[in-house]
Structures are given as structure tokens and as C-alpha cells.
């Protein structure tokens, strides 16, 4: 007489102990106290797993917060400009907003607004693009590279929209390195001075970072 082969057991959070591929016959081991105990243990296991994950989640949501205030000097005039036009569209020549203009920057960052007397902190390196057709609005993509002080060797990556004539412009901090590795937060820009003839500008930046 052929021996009857029983299908293997599996355990799932939804079903507890059970057969693969077919329902167990009445009175099988699926009706035993062991099966009931296995099924009852599932909610407890899920609760323990959630409790174990909670400290990691809390740590991920925390982190150190840092506020940095500095000044950004965008110099287009003179023999040693720190901002250079590298591209422009045909429409840029007739646009009131310089729409289509692309500028590469290596701007000084200082502790105070006076470029000559303030303590140097680093450089702002990147690009800005005149992306507003009806308003002077820049798409900014730059790294603040710290070259002095407590943050020497670290960087903060900033990206966002800068509507130049707004009193306060807010851009996203999308990353960083060194002390600011994996930083998140935002940067607020306020114009300190702007020369409409040369385009030279000094802008106060406040960085609010979580890292």
C-alpha cells in the first residue's frame, strides 16, 4: 500500500503554521495546540520588532543642529571677477531679466560684509542660471567650501530658486561633507548691497543645518 506523503509546513505572519499547496485534513497537526501557539505568537513578534526599530527611528530623526551666518561676495566687475558668464541664449540680449544667462562662480565667503577687512571663511563654488523669463529669478547650484575656522575642510551643498529682488530668499541644503556629512536644512539669503551698474552683490546667508 502506497505511503501517503504530507506537504511541508510553513509559517507566515498572516496564517501561522500551515500546509503548502492544499488545506490540511481535519484533525491534522494544524489543529494542534502547537499550531495555535505559533499563530498567537505572531502579534508578539511583530510588537517586539517594532519596539526594536523605534530607537533607530528616533536617532535618525535627531542629529545636531547648526546655524551659520556669513557673507557671499559676487564680483562681476574689475580685473579679477569671481563670477564669469559662460553662456547666454539669443533671447538673453533682449531680455529684461537676462533669461538664459549662465554664470560660474568662485565667490569669497567672509564672516562680515566687508570683503577686505572681514575674516575669510571659504568659497562659494558652482553656477547660477537666469531661469526667470518675467522675473529676475536664478536657479542656484553651489557648494559652500569652508577653508578656515571650526568647519575647515567641510562643505555644504545648496540648491534652489533665488528671486533676487525678494527681501528673503530660501533655498534647500541638499547635502554636505566633513562635519556636515549628509546635512539637510535650508539657507536664507538677504541682499546686503547690490550695484545695479556692475552687478556686484554682497549677500547675507544664514544656514540652518541638521547633520
Protein backbone atom coordinates (compact mmCIF):
# COMPACT_ATOMS: atom_id res chain seq x y z
CA UNK A 1 0.00 0.00 0.00
CA UNK A 2 1.45 3.40 -1.04
CA UNK A 3 2.55 5.60 1.82
CA UNK A 4 0.82 8.97 1.97
CA UNK A 5 3.20 11.96 1.88
CA UNK A 6 2.31 15.05 3.83
CA UNK A 7 3.05 18.51 2.33
CA UNK A 8 5.71 20.57 4.19
CA UNK A 9 4.82 23.18 6.78
CA UNK A 10 5.43 26.92 6.56
CA UNK A 11 4.95 29.80 9.00
CA UNK A 12 3.64 33.17 7.85
CA UNK A 13 2.59 36.16 10.00
CA UNK A 14 -0.89 36.04 8.50
CA UNK A 15 -1.60 32.30 8.71
CA UNK A 16 0.64 30.82 11.37
CA UNK A 17 1.54 27.15 10.83
CA UNK A 18 0.04 25.65 7.66
CA UNK A 19 0.43 23.42 4.62
CA UNK A 20 1.79 24.41 1.20
CA UNK A 21 -0.48 23.83 -1.77
CA UNK A 22 -3.56 22.33 -0.09
CA UNK A 23 -5.67 22.53 3.06
CA UNK A 24 -4.76 20.10 5.82
CA UNK A 25 -7.19 17.31 6.54
CA UNK A 26 -9.46 17.59 9.55
CA UNK A 27 -7.76 16.55 12.73
CA UNK A 28 -4.28 17.11 11.33
CA UNK A 29 -1.46 18.79 13.26
CA UNK A 30 -2.74 22.16 12.07
CA UNK A 31 -5.44 21.82 14.73
CA UNK A 32 -2.95 21.08 17.50
CA UNK A 33 -2.10 23.34 20.45
CA UNK A 34 1.35 23.90 18.83
CA UNK A 35 -0.27 25.48 15.77
CA UNK A 36 -2.47 27.69 17.92
CA UNK A 37 0.53 28.79 19.98
CA UNK A 38 2.51 29.64 16.84
CA UNK A 39 -0.34 31.75 15.49
CA UNK A 40 -0.77 33.52 18.83
CA UNK A 41 2.94 34.37 18.96
CA UNK A 42 2.87 36.33 15.72
CA UNK A 43 1.41 39.60 17.18
CA UNK A 44 4.01 39.46 19.97
CA UNK A 45 6.85 39.04 17.48
CA UNK A 46 5.59 41.98 15.43
CA UNK A 47 5.36 44.13 18.57
CA UNK A 48 8.93 43.25 19.57
CA UNK A 49 10.20 44.05 16.08
CA UNK A 50 8.51 47.47 16.16
CA UNK A 51 9.98 48.20 19.60
CA UNK A 52 13.46 47.29 18.38
CA UNK A 53 13.15 49.62 15.39
CA UNK A 54 11.92 52.60 17.44
CA UNK A 55 15.31 53.73 18.86
CA UNK A 56 16.88 53.71 15.37
CA UNK A 57 14.00 55.76 14.01
CA UNK A 58 14.32 58.27 16.82
CA UNK A 59 18.06 58.58 16.23
CA UNK A 60 17.51 59.13 12.51
CA UNK A 61 15.09 61.96 13.26
CA UNK A 62 17.51 63.65 15.65
CA UNK A 63 21.01 64.89 14.95
CA UNK A 64 22.97 68.05 15.62
CA UNK A 65 21.61 71.43 14.54
CA UNK A 66 23.92 74.25 13.44
CA UNK A 67 23.29 77.87 12.45
CA UNK A 68 25.93 79.68 10.38
CA UNK A 69 25.80 83.33 9.33
CA UNK A 70 28.21 84.56 6.65
CA UNK A 71 28.51 86.89 3.65
CA UNK A 72 28.72 85.92 -0.02
CA UNK A 73 30.55 88.29 -2.40
CA UNK A 74 29.60 88.05 -6.08
CA UNK A 75 32.07 90.16 -8.08
CA UNK A 76 31.45 90.57 -11.82
CA UNK A 77 33.46 93.77 -12.36
CA UNK A 78 37.15 94.67 -12.28
CA UNK A 79 40.26 92.76 -13.36
CA UNK A 80 39.63 89.76 -11.07
CA UNK A 81 35.94 88.83 -11.21
CA UNK A 82 34.74 85.90 -9.11
CA UNK A 83 31.63 85.37 -11.26
CA UNK A 84 32.03 84.75 -15.00
CA UNK A 85 29.41 84.44 -17.74
CA UNK A 86 29.92 81.20 -19.64
CA UNK A 87 26.78 81.01 -21.80
CA UNK A 88 23.83 83.07 -22.97
CA UNK A 89 20.93 82.48 -25.33
CA UNK A 90 19.96 84.71 -28.23
CA UNK A 91 16.95 85.90 -26.23
CA UNK A 92 19.24 86.98 -23.36
CA UNK A 93 20.34 90.06 -25.31
CA UNK A 94 16.81 91.49 -25.33
CA UNK A 95 15.52 90.04 -22.06
CA UNK A 96 14.87 92.40 -19.14
CA UNK A 97 15.64 89.54 -16.75
CA UNK A 98 18.77 88.18 -18.53
CA UNK A 99 16.78 85.00 -19.18
CA UNK A 100 19.10 82.23 -20.41
CA UNK A 101 22.31 83.58 -18.86
CA UNK A 102 24.66 81.04 -17.19
CA UNK A 103 27.31 82.16 -14.68
CA UNK A 104 30.08 80.15 -12.98
CA UNK A 105 31.15 81.41 -9.56
CA UNK A 106 34.05 81.09 -7.15
CA UNK A 107 32.87 83.73 -4.69
CA UNK A 108 34.54 84.61 -1.38
CA UNK A 109 32.69 83.83 1.85
CA UNK A 110 33.51 86.03 4.83
CA UNK A 111 32.45 86.45 8.44
CA UNK A 112 31.37 90.07 7.91
CA UNK A 113 30.13 92.17 4.98
CA UNK A 114 33.43 93.94 4.24
CA UNK A 115 35.43 91.79 1.82
CA UNK A 116 38.75 93.46 2.62
CA UNK A 117 38.60 93.51 6.41
CA UNK A 118 36.38 90.54 7.33
CA UNK A 119 37.73 87.11 8.28
CA UNK A 120 37.73 84.77 5.25
CA UNK A 121 35.70 81.58 5.76
CA UNK A 122 35.87 79.90 2.34
CA UNK A 123 34.45 79.96 -1.18
CA UNK A 124 31.08 79.52 -2.84
CA UNK A 125 31.72 77.44 -5.95
CA UNK A 126 29.09 76.48 -8.52
CA UNK A 127 26.71 78.06 -11.01
CA UNK A 128 23.62 80.20 -11.23
CA UNK A 129 21.30 80.44 -14.19
CA UNK A 130 18.83 83.22 -15.02
CA UNK A 131 15.77 80.96 -15.17
CA UNK A 132 13.01 83.57 -14.87
CA UNK A 133 11.56 84.95 -18.09
CA UNK A 134 9.31 87.54 -16.42
CA UNK A 135 11.17 87.96 -13.13
CA UNK A 136 14.84 88.05 -12.14
CA UNK A 137 14.99 84.58 -10.62
CA UNK A 138 18.11 82.44 -10.50
CA UNK A 139 18.46 78.68 -10.34
CA UNK A 140 21.35 78.33 -7.87
CA UNK A 141 23.56 75.26 -7.55
CA UNK A 142 26.64 75.81 -5.38
CA UNK A 143 28.87 74.41 -2.66
CA UNK A 144 29.97 76.44 0.32
CA UNK A 145 33.57 75.24 0.78
CA UNK A 146 34.87 76.13 4.24
CA UNK A 147 38.59 76.87 4.28
CA UNK A 148 39.05 78.32 7.73
CA UNK A 149 37.69 78.28 11.26
CA UNK A 150 35.99 75.36 13.01
CA UNK A 151 34.45 73.99 9.79
CA UNK A 152 37.67 73.95 7.75
CA UNK A 153 37.58 71.17 5.14
CA UNK A 154 33.80 70.73 5.22
CA UNK A 155 31.24 71.68 2.57
CA UNK A 156 27.52 72.45 2.35
CA UNK A 157 25.59 71.91 -0.90
CA UNK A 158 22.85 74.46 -1.67
CA UNK A 159 20.31 74.30 -4.47
CA UNK A 160 17.15 76.25 -5.20
CA UNK A 161 15.39 79.31 -6.58
CA UNK A 162 16.71 82.76 -5.77
CA UNK A 163 14.32 85.57 -6.70
CA UNK A 164 16.94 88.32 -6.46
CA UNK A 165 14.68 91.24 -5.55
CA UNK A 166 12.73 89.45 -2.81
CA UNK A 167 13.67 90.56 0.70
CA UNK A 168 14.35 86.99 1.81
CA UNK A 169 15.03 84.01 -0.45
CA UNK A 170 15.03 80.45 0.83
CA UNK A 171 16.95 77.60 -0.78
CA UNK A 172 17.43 73.96 0.18
CA UNK A 173 20.51 72.47 1.75
CA UNK A 174 20.72 69.11 -0.03
CA UNK A 175 23.89 67.63 1.46
CA UNK A 176 27.37 68.20 2.78
CA UNK A 177 30.74 66.67 3.59
CA UNK A 178 33.10 66.56 6.54
CA UNK A 179 31.41 67.93 9.66
CA UNK A 180 28.25 68.39 7.58
CA UNK A 181 28.14 64.94 6.01
CA UNK A 182 24.55 64.08 4.99
CA UNK A 183 23.37 67.54 6.11
CA UNK A 184 19.81 68.71 5.48
CA UNK A 185 18.20 72.07 6.08
CA UNK A 186 17.78 75.42 4.38
CA UNK A 187 19.61 78.64 3.55
CA UNK A 188 18.11 82.12 3.73
CA UNK A 189 19.62 84.88 1.59
CA UNK A 190 19.21 88.63 2.19
CA UNK A 191 20.81 91.22 -0.08
CA UNK A 192 23.22 93.44 1.82
CA UNK A 193 24.33 95.58 -1.14
CA UNK A 194 23.73 95.41 -4.90
CA UNK A 195 25.34 97.59 -7.57
CA UNK A 196 22.87 97.68 -10.45
CA UNK A 197 25.52 99.04 -12.84
CA UNK A 198 28.15 96.36 -12.32
CA UNK A 199 26.02 93.55 -10.93
CA UNK A 200 28.35 93.17 -7.94
CA UNK A 201 26.50 91.99 -4.85
CA UNK A 202 27.06 91.20 -1.19
CA UNK A 203 24.51 88.81 0.24
CA UNK A 204 23.99 87.73 3.83
CA UNK A 205 23.42 83.98 4.12
CA UNK A 206 22.02 82.18 7.15
CA UNK A 207 22.37 78.40 7.05
CA UNK A 208 20.15 76.22 9.25
CA UNK A 209 21.57 72.71 9.20
CA UNK A 210 20.73 69.32 10.67
CA UNK A 211 23.56 66.79 10.45
